N, C-alpha and C. Protein backbone atom coordinates (compact mmCIF):
# COMPACT_ATOMS: atom_id res chain seq x y z
N MET A 1 93.40 111.47 103.84
CA MET A 1 93.32 113.28 102.87
C MET A 1 92.40 112.49 101.38
N ALA A 2 90.82 112.94 101.25
CA ALA A 2 90.33 112.35 100.33
C ALA A 2 90.95 113.30 98.87
N ASP A 3 90.66 112.44 97.94
CA ASP A 3 91.28 113.26 96.29
C ASP A 3 89.79 114.34 96.06
N ARG A 4 90.17 115.37 95.14
CA ARG A 4 89.13 116.34 95.23
C ARG A 4 88.00 115.77 94.50
N LEU A 5 87.95 114.73 93.46
CA LEU A 5 87.16 114.22 92.99
C LEU A 5 85.75 113.69 94.35
N THR A 6 86.31 113.03 95.10
CA THR A 6 85.87 112.69 96.70
C THR A 6 85.33 114.10 97.25
N GLN A 7 86.15 114.94 97.28
CA GLN A 7 85.96 116.07 98.06
C GLN A 7 84.65 116.53 97.48
N LEU A 8 84.70 116.92 96.55
CA LEU A 8 83.83 117.12 95.49
C LEU A 8 82.78 116.52 95.59
N GLN A 9 82.03 114.83 95.27
CA GLN A 9 80.79 114.49 95.34
C GLN A 9 80.34 114.88 97.24
N ASP A 10 81.50 114.70 98.19
CA ASP A 10 80.81 114.89 99.50
C ASP A 10 80.12 116.24 99.62
N ALA A 11 80.97 117.57 98.84
CA ALA A 11 80.34 118.89 99.18
C ALA A 11 78.74 118.57 98.08
N VAL A 12 79.00 118.30 97.17
CA VAL A 12 77.82 118.21 96.27
C VAL A 12 76.87 117.21 97.31
N ASN A 13 77.10 115.98 97.96
CA ASN A 13 75.38 115.91 98.99
C ASN A 13 75.72 116.45 100.31
N ALA A 14 76.76 117.24 100.59
CA ALA A 14 76.16 118.27 101.82
C ALA A 14 75.49 119.27 100.96
N GLN A 15 75.48 119.83 100.05
CA GLN A 15 74.55 120.99 99.64
C GLN A 15 72.81 119.89 99.13
N ALA A 16 72.91 118.83 98.56
CA ALA A 16 71.63 118.65 98.24
C ALA A 16 71.24 118.33 99.90
N GLU A 17 72.08 118.09 100.72
CA GLU A 17 71.15 117.61 102.47
C GLU A 17 70.58 119.08 103.14
N ASN A 18 71.51 119.91 102.14
CA ASN A 18 71.36 121.72 103.05
C ASN A 18 69.67 122.16 102.51
N ILE A 19 69.82 121.40 101.49
CA ILE A 19 68.49 122.03 100.39
C ILE A 19 67.62 121.28 101.08
N CYS A 20 67.30 119.92 101.28
CA CYS A 20 66.38 119.06 101.27
C CYS A 20 65.73 119.25 103.02
N ASN A 21 67.25 119.92 103.94
CA ASN A 21 66.38 119.89 105.25
C ASN A 21 65.49 121.90 105.15
N SER A 22 66.17 122.37 104.31
CA SER A 22 66.05 123.79 104.43
C SER A 22 64.50 123.81 103.99
N ILE A 23 64.39 122.66 102.98
CA ILE A 23 62.75 122.14 102.55
C ILE A 23 61.71 121.95 103.59
N GLY A 24 62.70 121.09 104.54
CA GLY A 24 61.65 120.55 105.30
C GLY A 24 61.57 120.95 106.79
N VAL A 25 62.68 121.82 107.04
CA VAL A 25 61.92 122.93 107.86
C VAL A 25 61.49 124.25 107.32
N LEU A 26 61.12 124.75 106.30
CA LEU A 26 60.03 125.62 105.79
C LEU A 26 58.63 124.82 106.17
N GLN A 27 58.73 124.08 105.41
CA GLN A 27 57.54 123.11 105.65
C GLN A 27 56.45 123.20 106.97
N GLN A 28 57.27 122.95 107.58
CA GLN A 28 57.65 122.27 109.28
C GLN A 28 57.11 123.55 109.43
N CYS A 29 57.92 124.78 109.62
CA CYS A 29 57.25 126.42 110.54
C CYS A 29 56.25 127.04 109.61
N ALA A 30 55.99 126.54 108.21
CA ALA A 30 54.88 127.59 107.69
C ALA A 30 54.06 127.83 107.88
N THR A 31 53.27 128.83 108.09
CA THR A 31 51.86 128.56 108.62
C THR A 31 50.87 128.36 107.80
N PRO A 32 49.90 127.42 107.72
CA PRO A 32 48.92 126.81 107.24
C PRO A 32 47.71 127.50 106.39
N SER A 33 48.12 127.39 104.65
CA SER A 33 47.33 128.17 103.92
C SER A 33 45.69 128.06 104.32
N ILE A 34 45.23 129.34 104.19
CA ILE A 34 43.40 129.10 104.29
C ILE A 34 43.07 128.84 102.72
N PHE A 35 42.35 127.66 102.67
CA PHE A 35 41.20 127.51 101.42
C PHE A 35 39.69 127.87 101.88
N PRO A 36 39.34 128.28 101.00
CA PRO A 36 37.90 128.58 101.00
C PRO A 36 36.94 127.31 101.02
N GLU A 37 37.45 126.38 100.25
CA GLU A 37 36.62 125.46 100.05
C GLU A 37 36.43 124.63 101.37
N PHE A 38 37.70 124.42 101.77
CA PHE A 38 37.87 123.78 103.31
C PHE A 38 37.40 124.40 104.53
N ASP A 39 36.66 124.11 105.41
CA ASP A 39 36.68 125.01 106.93
C ASP A 39 37.51 124.69 107.56
N ARG A 40 37.75 123.62 107.46
CA ARG A 40 39.04 122.86 108.53
C ARG A 40 40.49 123.66 109.11
N VAL A 41 39.83 123.96 109.79
CA VAL A 41 41.71 124.94 111.13
C VAL A 41 42.14 124.28 111.69
N GLY A 42 43.16 123.78 111.39
CA GLY A 42 44.31 122.99 112.26
C GLY A 42 45.18 124.28 113.37
N PRO A 43 45.58 123.68 113.95
CA PRO A 43 46.83 124.16 114.92
C PRO A 43 47.94 124.55 114.10
N LYS A 44 47.89 126.04 114.80
CA LYS A 44 49.07 126.85 114.36
C LYS A 44 50.54 126.65 114.51
N PRO A 45 51.31 126.30 113.99
CA PRO A 45 53.11 126.07 114.37
C PRO A 45 53.23 127.17 114.96
N PRO A 46 53.99 126.13 116.13
CA PRO A 46 54.69 127.87 116.94
C PRO A 46 56.13 128.03 116.11
N PRO A 47 56.10 129.83 116.05
CA PRO A 47 56.98 130.61 115.45
C PRO A 47 58.78 129.83 115.99
N PRO A 48 59.14 129.84 114.93
CA PRO A 48 60.59 129.64 114.78
C PRO A 48 61.15 130.10 115.74
N PRO A 49 62.23 128.82 116.52
CA PRO A 49 62.78 129.95 117.24
C PRO A 49 63.90 130.91 116.77
N GLU A 50 64.56 130.21 115.96
CA GLU A 50 65.72 130.82 115.05
C GLU A 50 65.49 131.27 113.92
N ASP A 51 65.98 132.05 113.41
CA ASP A 51 65.90 132.45 111.97
C ASP A 51 66.55 132.14 111.22
N TYR A 52 66.12 130.14 110.84
CA TYR A 52 66.53 129.24 109.72
C TYR A 52 66.60 130.03 108.38
N CYS A 53 65.72 130.95 108.03
CA CYS A 53 65.96 131.32 106.24
C CYS A 53 67.87 131.97 106.57
N GLN A 54 67.90 132.73 107.52
CA GLN A 54 69.32 132.89 107.47
C GLN A 54 70.23 131.84 107.65
N ILE A 55 70.08 131.34 108.53
CA ILE A 55 70.93 129.60 108.68
C ILE A 55 71.23 129.08 107.48
N PHE A 56 70.02 128.66 106.85
CA PHE A 56 69.90 127.66 105.52
C PHE A 56 70.53 128.71 104.51
N SER A 57 70.73 129.85 104.24
CA SER A 57 71.11 130.58 103.30
C SER A 57 72.63 130.53 103.40
N THR A 58 72.70 130.77 104.75
CA THR A 58 74.78 130.55 105.13
C THR A 58 75.26 129.55 104.37
N LEU A 59 74.22 128.56 104.84
CA LEU A 59 74.82 126.98 104.65
C LEU A 59 74.98 126.79 103.34
N ILE A 60 73.82 127.25 103.27
CA ILE A 60 73.80 126.80 101.08
C ILE A 60 74.82 127.91 100.06
N CYS A 61 75.60 129.49 100.65
CA CYS A 61 75.78 129.52 100.26
C CYS A 61 77.23 129.28 100.17
N LYS A 62 77.74 129.25 101.46
CA LYS A 62 79.26 128.96 101.67
C LYS A 62 79.33 127.20 101.19
N THR A 63 78.87 126.48 101.38
CA THR A 63 78.55 125.21 100.25
C THR A 63 79.05 125.32 98.74
N ALA A 64 77.79 126.34 98.43
CA ALA A 64 78.27 126.59 96.74
C ALA A 64 79.62 126.55 96.63
N LYS A 65 80.22 128.00 97.73
CA LYS A 65 81.76 128.21 97.15
C LYS A 65 82.13 126.84 97.67
N ASP A 66 82.56 126.66 98.53
CA ASP A 66 83.51 125.17 98.33
C ASP A 66 83.22 124.90 97.04
N ILE A 67 82.28 124.38 96.44
CA ILE A 67 81.91 123.60 95.31
C ILE A 67 82.55 124.30 93.89
N ASP A 68 82.87 125.39 93.97
CA ASP A 68 83.17 126.73 93.20
C ASP A 68 84.47 126.48 93.53
N VAL A 69 85.39 126.16 94.48
CA VAL A 69 86.13 126.20 94.52
C VAL A 69 86.89 124.47 93.95
N LEU A 70 86.73 123.96 94.70
CA LEU A 70 86.88 122.47 94.55
C LEU A 70 86.79 122.00 92.90
N ILE A 71 86.07 122.83 92.30
CA ILE A 71 85.42 122.94 90.29
C ILE A 71 86.81 123.54 90.11
N ASP A 72 87.14 124.57 90.76
CA ASP A 72 88.23 125.27 89.95
C ASP A 72 89.69 124.80 90.26
N SER A 73 89.68 123.76 91.28
CA SER A 73 91.24 123.42 91.74
C SER A 73 91.34 121.97 90.60
N LEU A 74 90.19 121.59 90.15
CA LEU A 74 90.80 120.37 89.56
C LEU A 74 91.43 120.55 87.87
N PRO A 75 92.09 119.75 87.27
CA PRO A 75 93.35 120.25 86.57
C PRO A 75 91.65 120.78 85.00
N SER A 76 92.68 121.17 83.70
CA SER A 76 91.43 121.64 82.84
C SER A 76 91.65 120.47 81.98
N GLU A 77 90.99 120.56 80.89
CA GLU A 77 90.85 120.02 79.99
C GLU A 77 91.87 120.00 79.08
N GLU A 78 92.58 120.76 78.95
CA GLU A 78 93.83 121.26 77.67
C GLU A 78 94.73 120.57 78.50
N SER A 79 95.14 120.35 79.78
CA SER A 79 96.83 119.69 79.97
C SER A 79 96.77 118.56 80.40
N PHE A 80 95.78 117.91 79.84
CA PHE A 80 95.68 116.08 80.45
C PHE A 80 95.87 115.33 79.17
N PRO A 81 96.04 116.08 77.59
CA PRO A 81 96.49 114.73 76.70
C PRO A 81 98.45 115.23 77.45
N GLU A 82 98.45 116.20 77.92
CA GLU A 82 99.99 116.49 77.82
C GLU A 82 100.42 115.70 78.82
N LEU A 83 99.79 115.94 80.23
CA LEU A 83 100.28 115.16 81.14
C LEU A 83 99.98 113.40 81.15
N GLN A 84 99.33 113.00 80.19
CA GLN A 84 98.92 111.97 80.37
C GLN A 84 100.37 110.72 78.83
N GLU A 85 100.73 112.29 77.73
CA GLU A 85 101.28 111.56 77.27
C GLU A 85 102.75 111.29 78.11
N ALA A 86 102.75 112.55 78.85
CA ALA A 86 104.34 112.59 79.41
C ALA A 86 104.22 111.16 80.78
N SER A 87 103.30 110.88 81.20
CA SER A 87 102.88 109.59 82.41
C SER A 87 103.26 108.12 81.69
N ILE A 88 102.61 108.45 80.55
CA ILE A 88 102.86 107.04 79.38
C ILE A 88 104.51 107.05 79.31
N LYS A 89 104.81 107.95 79.29
CA LYS A 89 105.93 107.97 78.73
C LYS A 89 107.18 107.48 79.63
N ASN A 90 106.86 108.05 81.10
CA ASN A 90 107.30 107.75 82.24
C ASN A 90 107.36 106.04 82.70
N LEU A 91 105.70 105.96 82.07
CA LEU A 91 105.76 104.41 82.59
C LEU A 91 106.17 103.65 81.95
N ASN A 92 105.82 103.61 80.57
CA ASN A 92 107.03 102.95 79.54
C ASN A 92 108.14 102.59 79.70
N ALA A 93 109.17 104.23 80.28
CA ALA A 93 110.53 103.32 80.43
C ALA A 93 110.59 102.64 81.63
N GLU A 94 110.04 102.60 82.94
CA GLU A 94 109.80 102.14 84.09
C GLU A 94 109.35 100.52 83.20
N ASN A 95 108.64 100.47 82.84
CA ASN A 95 108.09 99.35 82.33
C ASN A 95 109.50 97.98 81.66
N ILE A 96 110.09 99.18 80.51
CA ILE A 96 111.34 98.88 79.58
C ILE A 96 112.47 98.02 80.72
N GLU A 97 112.85 98.89 81.80
CA GLU A 97 113.69 98.87 82.90
C GLU A 97 113.27 97.88 83.39
N ALA A 98 111.74 97.38 83.87
CA ALA A 98 111.35 96.41 84.86
C ALA A 98 111.74 94.94 84.02
N ALA A 99 111.57 95.18 82.49
CA ALA A 99 111.51 94.23 81.69
C ALA A 99 112.83 93.55 81.68
N ARG A 100 113.78 94.13 81.54
CA ARG A 100 115.13 94.73 81.62
C ARG A 100 115.91 93.00 82.46
N ALA A 101 115.01 93.86 83.66
CA ALA A 101 115.57 93.54 85.15
C ALA A 101 115.23 92.18 85.66
N LEU A 102 113.99 91.60 84.81
CA LEU A 102 113.14 90.48 85.10
C LEU A 102 114.04 89.88 84.46
N GLU A 103 114.35 89.84 82.78
CA GLU A 103 115.27 89.29 81.87
C GLU A 103 116.58 88.36 82.42
N GLU A 104 117.29 89.20 83.28
CA GLU A 104 118.47 89.09 83.96
C GLU A 104 118.15 88.27 85.08
N VAL A 105 116.87 87.98 85.84
CA VAL A 105 116.71 86.86 86.90
C VAL A 105 116.09 86.29 86.56
N VAL A 106 116.11 86.14 85.41
CA VAL A 106 115.33 84.69 84.78
C VAL A 106 116.19 84.15 84.18
N VAL A 107 117.61 84.66 83.66
CA VAL A 107 118.70 83.64 83.18
C VAL A 107 119.50 83.47 83.96
N LYS A 108 119.67 84.58 85.34
CA LYS A 108 120.21 83.70 86.60
C LYS A 108 119.55 82.18 87.05
N GLY A 109 118.02 82.33 87.32
CA GLY A 109 117.76 81.45 88.19
C GLY A 109 117.67 80.26 86.93
N GLU A 110 117.76 80.46 85.37
CA GLU A 110 117.85 79.17 85.01
C GLU A 110 119.17 79.09 84.44
N CYS A 111 120.24 79.58 85.05
CA CYS A 111 121.32 78.85 85.27
C CYS A 111 121.75 78.09 86.76
N LEU A 112 120.75 79.02 87.88
CA LEU A 112 121.06 78.40 88.81
C LEU A 112 119.99 77.15 89.04
N LEU A 113 118.99 76.67 88.22
CA LEU A 113 118.18 75.76 87.41
C LEU A 113 118.80 74.70 86.85
N GLU A 114 120.11 74.32 86.52
CA GLU A 114 120.65 73.93 85.58
C GLU A 114 121.71 73.06 86.71
N GLN A 115 122.41 74.25 87.13
CA GLN A 115 123.66 73.98 88.30
C GLN A 115 122.66 72.82 89.13
N ILE A 116 121.46 72.99 89.45
CA ILE A 116 120.94 72.20 90.75
C ILE A 116 120.37 71.08 90.25
N ARG A 117 120.07 70.75 88.57
CA ARG A 117 120.00 69.69 87.86
C ARG A 117 121.12 68.59 87.81
N LYS A 118 122.07 69.88 87.63
CA LYS A 118 123.76 68.76 87.64
C LYS A 118 123.75 68.40 88.99
N VAL A 119 124.00 68.79 90.08
CA VAL A 119 124.37 68.57 90.79
C VAL A 119 123.50 67.36 91.33
N LEU A 120 122.25 66.88 91.19
CA LEU A 120 121.06 66.59 91.40
C LEU A 120 121.10 64.99 91.03
N CYS A 121 121.76 65.59 89.51
CA CYS A 121 122.32 64.14 88.59
C CYS A 121 123.32 63.43 89.43
N ASP A 122 124.69 64.19 90.08
CA ASP A 122 125.83 63.85 90.27
C ASP A 122 125.44 62.93 91.52
N ILE A 123 124.30 63.38 92.54
CA ILE A 123 123.89 62.30 93.38
C ILE A 123 123.41 61.51 93.32
N ALA A 124 122.42 61.60 92.24
CA ALA A 124 121.72 60.00 91.76
C ALA A 124 122.80 59.43 91.45
N GLN A 125 123.66 59.76 90.54
CA GLN A 125 124.72 58.96 89.99
C GLN A 125 125.46 57.94 91.15
N SER A 126 125.95 58.88 92.11
CA SER A 126 126.50 58.66 93.33
C SER A 126 125.60 57.29 94.22
N GLU A 127 125.13 57.89 94.25
CA GLU A 127 124.26 57.07 95.08
C GLU A 127 123.58 55.54 94.51
N GLN A 128 123.31 55.81 93.22
CA GLN A 128 123.91 54.54 92.77
C GLN A 128 124.84 53.22 92.58
N GLU A 129 125.76 54.13 92.53
CA GLU A 129 127.13 53.73 92.38
C GLU A 129 127.19 53.37 94.18
N MET A 130 126.79 53.57 94.94
CA MET A 130 127.10 53.53 95.87
C MET A 130 125.96 51.64 96.44
N GLN A 131 125.16 51.45 95.93
CA GLN A 131 123.95 50.66 96.13
C GLN A 131 124.22 49.61 95.21
N LYS A 132 125.63 49.92 93.96
CA LYS A 132 125.56 48.69 93.19
C LYS A 132 127.72 48.07 94.57
N ILE A 133 128.00 48.36 95.14
CA ILE A 133 129.27 48.05 95.85
C ILE A 133 128.33 47.87 96.73
N SER A 134 127.32 48.36 97.68
CA SER A 134 127.12 47.91 99.05
C SER A 134 126.28 46.29 98.19
N SER A 135 125.82 46.09 97.04
CA SER A 135 124.81 45.23 97.06
C SER A 135 126.29 43.83 96.62
N PHE A 136 127.55 44.23 95.89
CA PHE A 136 128.57 43.48 95.54
C PHE A 136 129.28 42.76 96.57
N GLN A 137 129.13 43.72 97.79
CA GLN A 137 130.17 43.74 99.03
C GLN A 137 129.22 42.37 100.14
N ASN A 138 127.13 42.88 99.85
CA ASN A 138 126.90 42.07 100.61
C ASN A 138 126.73 40.52 99.99
N LYS A 139 127.27 40.36 99.07
CA LYS A 139 127.13 38.88 98.15
C LYS A 139 128.23 38.11 98.66
């Protein structure tokens, strides 16, 4: 489902398409004008099979009403500062909580890292002692 601004943009594009198509059909079906300076008479276009004026006027009116409804459904300018302030306060509270949780995880991670370093140090010392013992036994 598209948001209201996207729906509004689609409706405006549809309205532009309706108007362009109606002008194109009018140009195609219109009877040629006679200019006295030109004696050239072209073939008359066939009469339109449908009432294009009614069809396009209905489409244009319906789309205009849809655009009005979409515009009316957009939030008003007066509500923006309050909504933004409430949203910012909510996001700030979430940010503080996330920062606190991140700090706890970092502290736990640092403790684990220190324990791993101690264990690796103990392993390295044990390995060195084992090498010393084995070198004395081989001599």
